[in-house]
């Protein structure tokens, strides 16, 4: 009886996903992080790049997020275009005590034509989807700590 209760609490449909998480505060220069990300993708590994990470790829553009102008990094979209792999947005929400629902959105496929405008368009599309997700589940977004840094003042 106790084992059934434990299984109901902790059993999920996804058993294990291994991925590399890209962040910009580990003191590793962007060229090395980017090189590792590209290598991992070429080996078929999953790489997770938060949308607020630029990967050091030049100037950013402005987009609306939660009604505010924010600086939009191009890191994940640039990698997506370079490697011709989709971006899959994932988000979580608390459904009840101790249970979290993880949702994988439909893939956003890169353009076959690799140029800066297509990367900007893809990144804008990603941020629009993120904006909608945050508006639907404002308490589950963990990006508020970087939101202030992203806002253009």
N, C-alpha and C. Protein backbone atom coordinates (compact mmCIF):
# COMPACT_ATOMS: atom_id res chain seq x y z
N UNK A 1 0.82 -1.19 0.00
CA UNK A 1 0.00 0.00 0.00
C UNK A 1 0.87 1.27 0.00
N UNK A 2 1.89 1.32 0.85
CA UNK A 2 2.78 2.48 0.89
C UNK A 2 3.54 2.64 -0.43
N UNK A 3 3.98 1.54 -1.01
CA UNK A 3 4.72 1.59 -2.27
C UNK A 3 3.84 2.18 -3.37
N UNK A 4 2.56 1.84 -3.41
CA UNK A 4 1.65 2.41 -4.39
C UNK A 4 1.55 3.93 -4.23
N UNK A 5 1.46 4.40 -2.99
CA UNK A 5 1.39 5.84 -2.75
C UNK A 5 2.67 6.53 -3.22
N UNK A 6 3.81 5.92 -2.93
CA UNK A 6 5.09 6.50 -3.37
C UNK A 6 5.16 6.53 -4.89
N UNK A 7 4.76 5.46 -5.53
CA UNK A 7 4.78 5.42 -7.00
C UNK A 7 3.88 6.46 -7.61
N UNK A 8 2.72 6.70 -7.01
CA UNK A 8 1.82 7.73 -7.52
C UNK A 8 2.45 9.11 -7.42
N UNK A 9 3.24 9.34 -6.39
CA UNK A 9 3.90 10.62 -6.22
C UNK A 9 5.07 10.82 -7.18
N UNK A 10 5.84 9.79 -7.41
CA UNK A 10 7.11 9.97 -8.11
C UNK A 10 7.22 9.32 -9.49
N UNK A 11 6.26 8.56 -9.90
CA UNK A 11 6.36 7.92 -11.21
C UNK A 11 6.05 8.93 -12.30
N UNK A 12 6.93 9.00 -13.26
CA UNK A 12 6.72 9.90 -14.39
C UNK A 12 6.82 9.11 -15.68
N UNK A 13 6.35 9.72 -16.77
CA UNK A 13 6.41 9.02 -18.04
C UNK A 13 7.80 9.13 -18.67
N UNK A 14 8.55 10.14 -18.31
CA UNK A 14 9.92 10.28 -18.80
C UNK A 14 10.85 9.81 -17.69
N UNK A 15 11.62 8.78 -17.97
CA UNK A 15 12.48 8.22 -16.93
C UNK A 15 13.76 9.02 -16.75
N UNK A 16 14.40 9.42 -17.85
CA UNK A 16 15.67 10.12 -17.71
C UNK A 16 15.99 10.85 -19.02
N UNK A 17 16.38 12.10 -18.88
CA UNK A 17 16.87 12.86 -20.03
C UNK A 17 18.21 13.43 -19.60
N UNK A 18 19.23 13.13 -20.37
CA UNK A 18 20.54 13.69 -20.07
C UNK A 18 20.81 14.80 -21.05
N UNK A 19 21.24 15.94 -20.55
CA UNK A 19 21.53 17.06 -21.43
C UNK A 19 22.62 17.91 -20.82
N UNK A 20 23.20 18.73 -21.64
CA UNK A 20 24.19 19.70 -21.18
C UNK A 20 23.51 21.04 -21.07
N UNK A 21 23.71 21.69 -19.94
CA UNK A 21 23.06 22.96 -19.64
C UNK A 21 24.07 24.07 -19.82
N UNK A 22 23.78 25.01 -20.70
CA UNK A 22 24.69 26.10 -21.01
C UNK A 22 24.33 27.31 -20.15
N UNK A 23 25.27 27.78 -19.37
CA UNK A 23 25.08 29.01 -18.61
C UNK A 23 26.29 29.90 -18.85
N UNK A 24 26.15 31.18 -18.51
CA UNK A 24 27.23 32.11 -18.80
C UNK A 24 28.00 32.55 -17.55
N UNK A 25 27.77 31.91 -16.42
CA UNK A 25 28.43 32.39 -15.22
C UNK A 25 29.37 31.37 -14.59
N UNK A 26 29.83 30.40 -15.33
CA UNK A 26 30.77 29.42 -14.80
C UNK A 26 32.22 29.83 -15.03
N UNK A 27 32.44 31.02 -15.60
CA UNK A 27 33.79 31.49 -15.82
C UNK A 27 34.47 30.88 -17.03
N UNK A 28 33.72 30.18 -17.85
CA UNK A 28 34.28 29.58 -19.06
C UNK A 28 34.00 30.53 -20.22
N UNK A 29 35.02 30.86 -21.00
CA UNK A 29 34.80 31.79 -22.13
C UNK A 29 33.79 31.24 -23.13
N UNK A 30 32.97 32.15 -23.67
CA UNK A 30 31.94 31.73 -24.63
C UNK A 30 32.46 30.88 -25.78
N UNK A 31 33.61 31.22 -26.38
CA UNK A 31 34.06 30.37 -27.49
C UNK A 31 34.21 28.90 -27.11
N UNK A 32 34.65 28.64 -25.87
CA UNK A 32 34.79 27.24 -25.43
C UNK A 32 33.43 26.60 -25.18
N UNK A 33 32.51 27.37 -24.59
CA UNK A 33 31.15 26.86 -24.36
C UNK A 33 30.49 26.55 -25.70
N UNK A 34 30.59 27.48 -26.63
CA UNK A 34 29.98 27.30 -27.95
C UNK A 34 30.59 26.10 -28.66
N UNK A 35 31.88 25.99 -28.60
CA UNK A 35 32.56 24.85 -29.26
C UNK A 35 32.05 23.52 -28.70
N UNK A 36 31.93 23.44 -27.37
CA UNK A 36 31.44 22.21 -26.73
C UNK A 36 29.99 21.95 -27.12
N UNK A 37 29.17 22.98 -27.15
CA UNK A 37 27.76 22.81 -27.53
C UNK A 37 27.65 22.27 -28.96
N UNK A 38 28.40 22.85 -29.88
CA UNK A 38 28.35 22.39 -31.28
C UNK A 38 28.85 20.96 -31.40
N UNK A 39 29.89 20.61 -30.66
CA UNK A 39 30.42 19.24 -30.68
C UNK A 39 29.37 18.26 -30.13
N UNK A 40 28.76 18.62 -29.00
CA UNK A 40 27.75 17.74 -28.40
C UNK A 40 26.57 17.53 -29.35
N UNK A 41 26.13 18.59 -29.99
CA UNK A 41 25.01 18.45 -30.94
C UNK A 41 25.40 17.55 -32.10
N UNK A 42 26.62 17.72 -32.61
CA UNK A 42 27.06 16.88 -33.74
C UNK A 42 27.15 15.41 -33.34
N UNK A 43 27.27 15.15 -32.04
CA UNK A 43 27.30 13.77 -31.54
C UNK A 43 25.91 13.27 -31.16
N UNK A 44 24.88 14.07 -31.45
CA UNK A 44 23.51 13.65 -31.19
C UNK A 44 23.04 13.87 -29.77
N UNK A 45 23.79 14.64 -28.99
CA UNK A 45 23.38 14.92 -27.62
C UNK A 45 22.41 16.10 -27.58
N UNK A 46 21.63 16.16 -26.52
CA UNK A 46 20.70 17.26 -26.31
C UNK A 46 21.46 18.35 -25.56
N UNK A 47 21.31 19.59 -26.02
CA UNK A 47 21.94 20.73 -25.37
C UNK A 47 20.84 21.72 -24.99
N UNK A 48 20.84 22.16 -23.75
CA UNK A 48 19.84 23.10 -23.27
C UNK A 48 20.48 24.47 -23.13
N UNK A 49 19.96 25.43 -23.87
CA UNK A 49 20.47 26.80 -23.81
C UNK A 49 19.31 27.70 -23.38
N UNK A 50 19.38 28.28 -22.19
CA UNK A 50 18.31 29.20 -21.79
C UNK A 50 18.22 30.36 -22.79
N UNK A 51 17.03 30.85 -23.05
CA UNK A 51 16.87 31.89 -24.08
C UNK A 51 17.57 33.20 -23.75
N UNK A 52 17.90 33.43 -22.48
CA UNK A 52 18.56 34.68 -22.12
C UNK A 52 20.08 34.62 -22.31
N UNK A 53 20.60 33.49 -22.75
CA UNK A 53 22.04 33.33 -22.95
C UNK A 53 22.41 33.71 -24.39
N UNK A 54 23.36 34.61 -24.53
CA UNK A 54 23.73 35.09 -25.87
C UNK A 54 24.77 34.23 -26.54
N UNK A 55 25.51 33.45 -25.77
CA UNK A 55 26.64 32.67 -26.27
C UNK A 55 27.72 33.59 -26.84
N UNK A 56 27.67 34.86 -26.50
CA UNK A 56 28.68 35.81 -26.95
C UNK A 56 28.62 36.09 -28.43
N UNK A 57 27.45 35.94 -29.02
CA UNK A 57 27.32 36.04 -30.48
C UNK A 57 26.86 37.41 -30.93
N UNK A 58 27.59 38.42 -30.55
CA UNK A 58 27.36 39.74 -31.11
C UNK A 58 26.18 40.48 -30.54
N UNK A 59 25.79 41.55 -31.22
CA UNK A 59 24.72 42.42 -30.71
C UNK A 59 23.39 41.70 -30.63
N UNK A 60 22.57 42.21 -29.76
CA UNK A 60 21.26 41.63 -29.57
C UNK A 60 20.21 42.56 -30.14
N UNK A 61 19.00 42.07 -30.24
CA UNK A 61 17.91 42.87 -30.78
C UNK A 61 16.85 43.05 -29.70
N UNK A 62 15.92 43.93 -29.96
CA UNK A 62 14.88 44.23 -29.00
C UNK A 62 13.60 43.49 -29.36
N UNK A 63 12.93 42.97 -28.34
CA UNK A 63 11.67 42.27 -28.51
C UNK A 63 10.82 42.58 -27.28
N UNK A 64 9.52 42.43 -27.39
CA UNK A 64 8.62 42.61 -26.25
C UNK A 64 8.51 41.30 -25.49
N UNK A 65 8.67 41.39 -24.18
CA UNK A 65 8.47 40.25 -23.30
C UNK A 65 7.74 40.78 -22.08
N UNK A 66 6.55 40.26 -21.85
CA UNK A 66 5.68 40.73 -20.76
C UNK A 66 5.42 42.22 -20.85
N UNK A 67 5.31 42.71 -22.09
CA UNK A 67 4.99 44.11 -22.32
C UNK A 67 6.16 45.07 -22.18
N UNK A 68 7.34 44.55 -21.92
CA UNK A 68 8.54 45.38 -21.75
C UNK A 68 9.49 45.12 -22.91
N UNK A 69 10.25 46.16 -23.27
CA UNK A 69 11.31 45.98 -24.26
C UNK A 69 12.49 45.30 -23.58
N UNK A 70 12.90 44.16 -24.15
CA UNK A 70 14.05 43.44 -23.60
C UNK A 70 15.07 43.19 -24.70
N UNK A 71 16.30 43.04 -24.29
CA UNK A 71 17.39 42.71 -25.19
C UNK A 71 17.32 41.23 -25.49
N UNK A 72 17.17 40.89 -26.76
CA UNK A 72 16.94 39.50 -27.15
C UNK A 72 18.24 38.85 -27.62
N UNK A 73 18.78 37.90 -26.86
CA UNK A 73 19.97 37.18 -27.30
C UNK A 73 19.65 36.26 -28.47
N UNK A 74 20.65 35.98 -29.27
CA UNK A 74 20.46 35.13 -30.45
C UNK A 74 21.11 33.76 -30.29
N UNK A 75 21.63 33.45 -29.10
CA UNK A 75 22.42 32.23 -28.89
C UNK A 75 21.76 30.95 -29.34
N UNK A 76 20.58 30.64 -28.80
CA UNK A 76 19.94 29.36 -29.13
C UNK A 76 19.52 29.31 -30.59
N UNK A 77 19.06 30.42 -31.14
CA UNK A 77 18.66 30.43 -32.55
C UNK A 77 19.86 30.33 -33.48
N UNK A 78 20.97 30.95 -33.10
CA UNK A 78 22.18 30.84 -33.92
C UNK A 78 22.65 29.39 -33.96
N UNK A 79 22.69 28.73 -32.80
CA UNK A 79 23.10 27.32 -32.73
C UNK A 79 22.13 26.45 -33.53
N UNK A 80 20.85 26.72 -33.40
CA UNK A 80 19.83 25.97 -34.14
C UNK A 80 20.06 26.07 -35.65
N UNK A 81 20.31 27.29 -36.13
CA UNK A 81 20.55 27.50 -37.56
C UNK A 81 21.86 26.88 -38.01
N UNK A 82 22.90 27.06 -37.24
CA UNK A 82 24.23 26.54 -37.59
C UNK A 82 24.21 25.03 -37.72
N UNK A 83 23.56 24.36 -36.77
CA UNK A 83 23.55 22.90 -36.73
C UNK A 83 22.31 22.28 -37.39
N UNK A 84 21.37 23.13 -37.83
CA UNK A 84 20.13 22.67 -38.45
C UNK A 84 19.38 21.68 -37.55
N UNK A 85 19.22 22.09 -36.30
CA UNK A 85 18.46 21.32 -35.32
C UNK A 85 17.35 22.20 -34.77
N UNK A 86 16.22 21.61 -34.37
CA UNK A 86 15.11 22.42 -33.88
C UNK A 86 15.35 22.93 -32.46
N UNK A 87 14.63 23.98 -32.15
CA UNK A 87 14.54 24.46 -30.77
C UNK A 87 13.24 23.89 -30.21
N UNK A 88 13.34 23.29 -29.05
CA UNK A 88 12.15 22.76 -28.38
C UNK A 88 12.06 23.47 -27.02
N UNK A 89 11.06 24.28 -26.88
CA UNK A 89 10.85 25.00 -25.62
C UNK A 89 10.24 24.02 -24.63
N UNK A 90 10.81 24.00 -23.43
CA UNK A 90 10.20 23.18 -22.38
C UNK A 90 9.92 24.07 -21.19
N UNK A 91 8.82 23.78 -20.54
CA UNK A 91 8.45 24.55 -19.35
C UNK A 91 7.77 23.64 -18.36
N UNK A 92 7.76 24.09 -17.12
CA UNK A 92 7.18 23.29 -16.06
C UNK A 92 6.09 24.08 -15.33
N UNK A 93 5.20 23.35 -14.73
CA UNK A 93 4.21 23.99 -13.86
C UNK A 93 3.83 23.02 -12.76
N UNK A 94 3.60 23.57 -11.60
CA UNK A 94 3.17 22.77 -10.46
C UNK A 94 1.69 22.46 -10.66
N UNK A 95 1.35 21.17 -10.66
CA UNK A 95 -0.04 20.79 -10.88
C UNK A 95 -0.76 20.51 -9.56
N UNK A 96 -0.06 19.97 -8.61
CA UNK A 96 -0.59 19.75 -7.28
C UNK A 96 0.61 19.51 -6.37
N UNK A 97 0.35 19.36 -5.12
CA UNK A 97 1.45 19.20 -4.16
C UNK A 97 2.40 18.09 -4.61
N UNK A 98 3.68 18.44 -4.77
CA UNK A 98 4.76 17.53 -5.14
C UNK A 98 4.71 17.02 -6.58
N UNK A 99 3.84 17.53 -7.39
CA UNK A 99 3.78 17.08 -8.78
C UNK A 99 4.05 18.25 -9.72
N UNK A 100 4.92 18.00 -10.67
CA UNK A 100 5.27 19.01 -11.66
C UNK A 100 5.00 18.44 -13.04
N UNK A 101 4.33 19.22 -13.85
CA UNK A 101 4.06 18.84 -15.23
C UNK A 101 5.14 19.48 -16.10
N UNK A 102 5.82 18.66 -16.89
CA UNK A 102 6.83 19.16 -17.82
C UNK A 102 6.23 19.10 -19.21
N UNK A 103 6.22 20.23 -19.90
CA UNK A 103 5.64 20.30 -21.24
C UNK A 103 6.72 20.63 -22.25
N UNK A 104 6.78 19.83 -23.30
CA UNK A 104 7.67 20.08 -24.42
C UNK A 104 6.82 20.65 -25.55
N UNK A 105 7.10 21.88 -25.93
CA UNK A 105 6.35 22.50 -27.02
C UNK A 105 6.77 21.88 -28.35
N UNK A 106 5.97 22.14 -29.39
CA UNK A 106 6.32 21.65 -30.72
C UNK A 106 7.66 22.24 -31.15
N UNK A 107 8.45 21.46 -31.88
CA UNK A 107 9.75 21.96 -32.34
C UNK A 107 9.62 23.19 -33.24
N UNK A 108 10.59 24.08 -33.12
CA UNK A 108 10.70 25.24 -34.02
C UNK A 108 11.90 24.94 -34.90
N UNK A 109 11.64 24.67 -36.16
CA UNK A 109 12.70 24.26 -37.07
C UNK A 109 13.38 25.48 -37.69
N UNK A 110 14.70 25.42 -37.84
CA UNK A 110 15.42 26.54 -38.45
C UNK A 110 15.19 26.61 -39.95
N UNK A 111 15.38 27.78 -40.49
CA UNK A 111 15.31 27.96 -41.94
C UNK A 111 16.47 27.23 -42.59
N UNK A 112 16.26 26.72 -43.77
CA UNK A 112 17.35 26.08 -44.52
C UNK A 112 18.36 27.11 -45.00
N UNK A 113 17.90 28.36 -45.11
CA UNK A 113 18.77 29.45 -45.54
C UNK A 113 19.34 30.09 -44.27
N UNK A 114 20.65 29.99 -44.12
CA UNK A 114 21.29 30.48 -42.91
C UNK A 114 21.79 31.91 -43.12
N UNK A 115 21.04 32.84 -42.55
CA UNK A 115 21.49 34.24 -42.56
C UNK A 115 21.00 34.91 -41.28
N UNK A 116 21.54 36.07 -41.02
CA UNK A 116 21.25 36.78 -39.76
C UNK A 116 19.76 37.08 -39.59
N UNK A 117 19.08 37.47 -40.65
CA UNK A 117 17.67 37.81 -40.53
C UNK A 117 16.84 36.58 -40.13
N UNK A 118 17.15 35.42 -40.68
CA UNK A 118 16.42 34.21 -40.31
C UNK A 118 16.67 33.84 -38.84
N UNK A 119 17.89 34.07 -38.36
CA UNK A 119 18.20 33.81 -36.96
C UNK A 119 17.40 34.77 -36.07
N UNK A 120 17.34 36.03 -36.43
CA UNK A 120 16.57 37.02 -35.67
C UNK A 120 15.08 36.65 -35.68
N UNK A 121 14.56 36.26 -36.84
CA UNK A 121 13.15 35.87 -36.95
C UNK A 121 12.84 34.66 -36.06
N UNK A 122 13.73 33.67 -36.07
CA UNK A 122 13.52 32.48 -35.25
C UNK A 122 13.56 32.84 -33.77
N UNK A 123 14.51 33.66 -33.38
CA UNK A 123 14.62 34.06 -31.98
C UNK A 123 13.40 34.86 -31.54
N UNK A 124 12.91 35.73 -32.41
CA UNK A 124 11.69 36.50 -32.12
C UNK A 124 10.51 35.55 -31.91
N UNK A 125 10.40 34.54 -32.76
CA UNK A 125 9.33 33.53 -32.64
C UNK A 125 9.44 32.80 -31.29
N UNK A 126 10.67 32.44 -30.90
CA UNK A 126 10.89 31.76 -29.63
C UNK A 126 10.43 32.64 -28.47
N UNK A 127 10.81 33.92 -28.50
CA UNK A 127 10.44 34.83 -27.41
C UNK A 127 8.94 35.08 -27.37
N UNK A 128 8.26 35.09 -28.51
CA UNK A 128 6.80 35.24 -28.51
C UNK A 128 6.15 34.03 -27.85
N UNK A 129 6.66 32.84 -28.13
CA UNK A 129 6.11 31.63 -27.49
C UNK A 129 6.36 31.65 -25.99
N UNK A 130 7.56 32.09 -25.61
CA UNK A 130 7.89 32.17 -24.19
C UNK A 130 6.99 33.17 -23.48
N UNK A 131 6.74 34.30 -24.12
CA UNK A 131 5.85 35.32 -23.56
C UNK A 131 4.47 34.73 -23.28
N UNK A 132 3.95 33.97 -24.22
CA UNK A 132 2.62 33.36 -24.06
C UNK A 132 2.62 32.35 -22.91
N UNK A 133 3.68 31.55 -22.83
CA UNK A 133 3.78 30.55 -21.75
C UNK A 133 3.83 31.24 -20.39
N UNK A 134 4.63 32.30 -20.28
CA UNK A 134 4.76 33.01 -19.00
C UNK A 134 3.42 33.63 -18.61
N UNK A 135 2.73 34.22 -19.58
CA UNK A 135 1.43 34.85 -19.28
C UNK A 135 0.41 33.81 -18.79
N UNK A 136 0.49 32.59 -19.33
CA UNK A 136 -0.44 31.54 -18.92
C UNK A 136 -0.07 30.94 -17.56
N UNK A 137 1.23 30.94 -17.22
CA UNK A 137 1.70 30.36 -15.96
C UNK A 137 2.75 31.27 -15.33
N UNK A 138 2.36 32.46 -14.88
CA UNK A 138 3.35 33.43 -14.40
C UNK A 138 4.16 32.98 -13.19
N UNK A 139 3.62 32.11 -12.37
CA UNK A 139 4.32 31.71 -11.15
C UNK A 139 5.32 30.59 -11.38
N UNK A 140 5.30 30.01 -12.56
CA UNK A 140 6.21 28.89 -12.80
C UNK A 140 7.48 29.31 -13.56
N UNK A 141 7.55 30.56 -14.00
CA UNK A 141 8.73 31.02 -14.75
C UNK A 141 9.87 31.30 -13.78
N UNK A 142 11.03 30.75 -14.09
CA UNK A 142 12.19 30.97 -13.21
C UNK A 142 13.15 32.02 -13.78
N UNK A 143 12.71 32.77 -14.77
CA UNK A 143 13.58 33.75 -15.40
C UNK A 143 13.44 35.17 -14.89
N UNK A 144 12.66 35.37 -13.84
CA UNK A 144 12.47 36.74 -13.34
C UNK A 144 13.79 37.35 -12.87
N UNK A 145 14.72 36.52 -12.39
CA UNK A 145 15.99 37.05 -11.92
C UNK A 145 16.81 37.67 -13.05
N UNK A 146 16.68 37.17 -14.26
CA UNK A 146 17.40 37.75 -15.39
C UNK A 146 16.56 38.75 -16.17
N UNK A 147 15.27 38.77 -15.92
CA UNK A 147 14.37 39.68 -16.64
C UNK A 147 14.79 41.14 -16.46
N UNK A 148 15.13 41.51 -15.22
CA UNK A 148 15.57 42.89 -14.96
C UNK A 148 16.82 43.25 -15.76
N UNK A 149 17.74 42.29 -15.89
CA UNK A 149 18.97 42.53 -16.64
C UNK A 149 18.70 42.65 -18.14
N UNK A 150 17.67 41.96 -18.61
CA UNK A 150 17.34 41.96 -20.04
C UNK A 150 16.58 43.22 -20.46
N UNK A 151 15.87 43.83 -19.50
CA UNK A 151 15.05 45.01 -19.84
C UNK A 151 15.91 46.17 -20.31
N UNK A 152 15.42 46.84 -21.33
CA UNK A 152 16.09 48.03 -21.86
C UNK A 152 15.49 49.22 -21.13
N UNK A 153 16.33 49.99 -20.48
CA UNK A 153 15.83 51.10 -19.66
C UNK A 153 16.09 52.41 -20.31
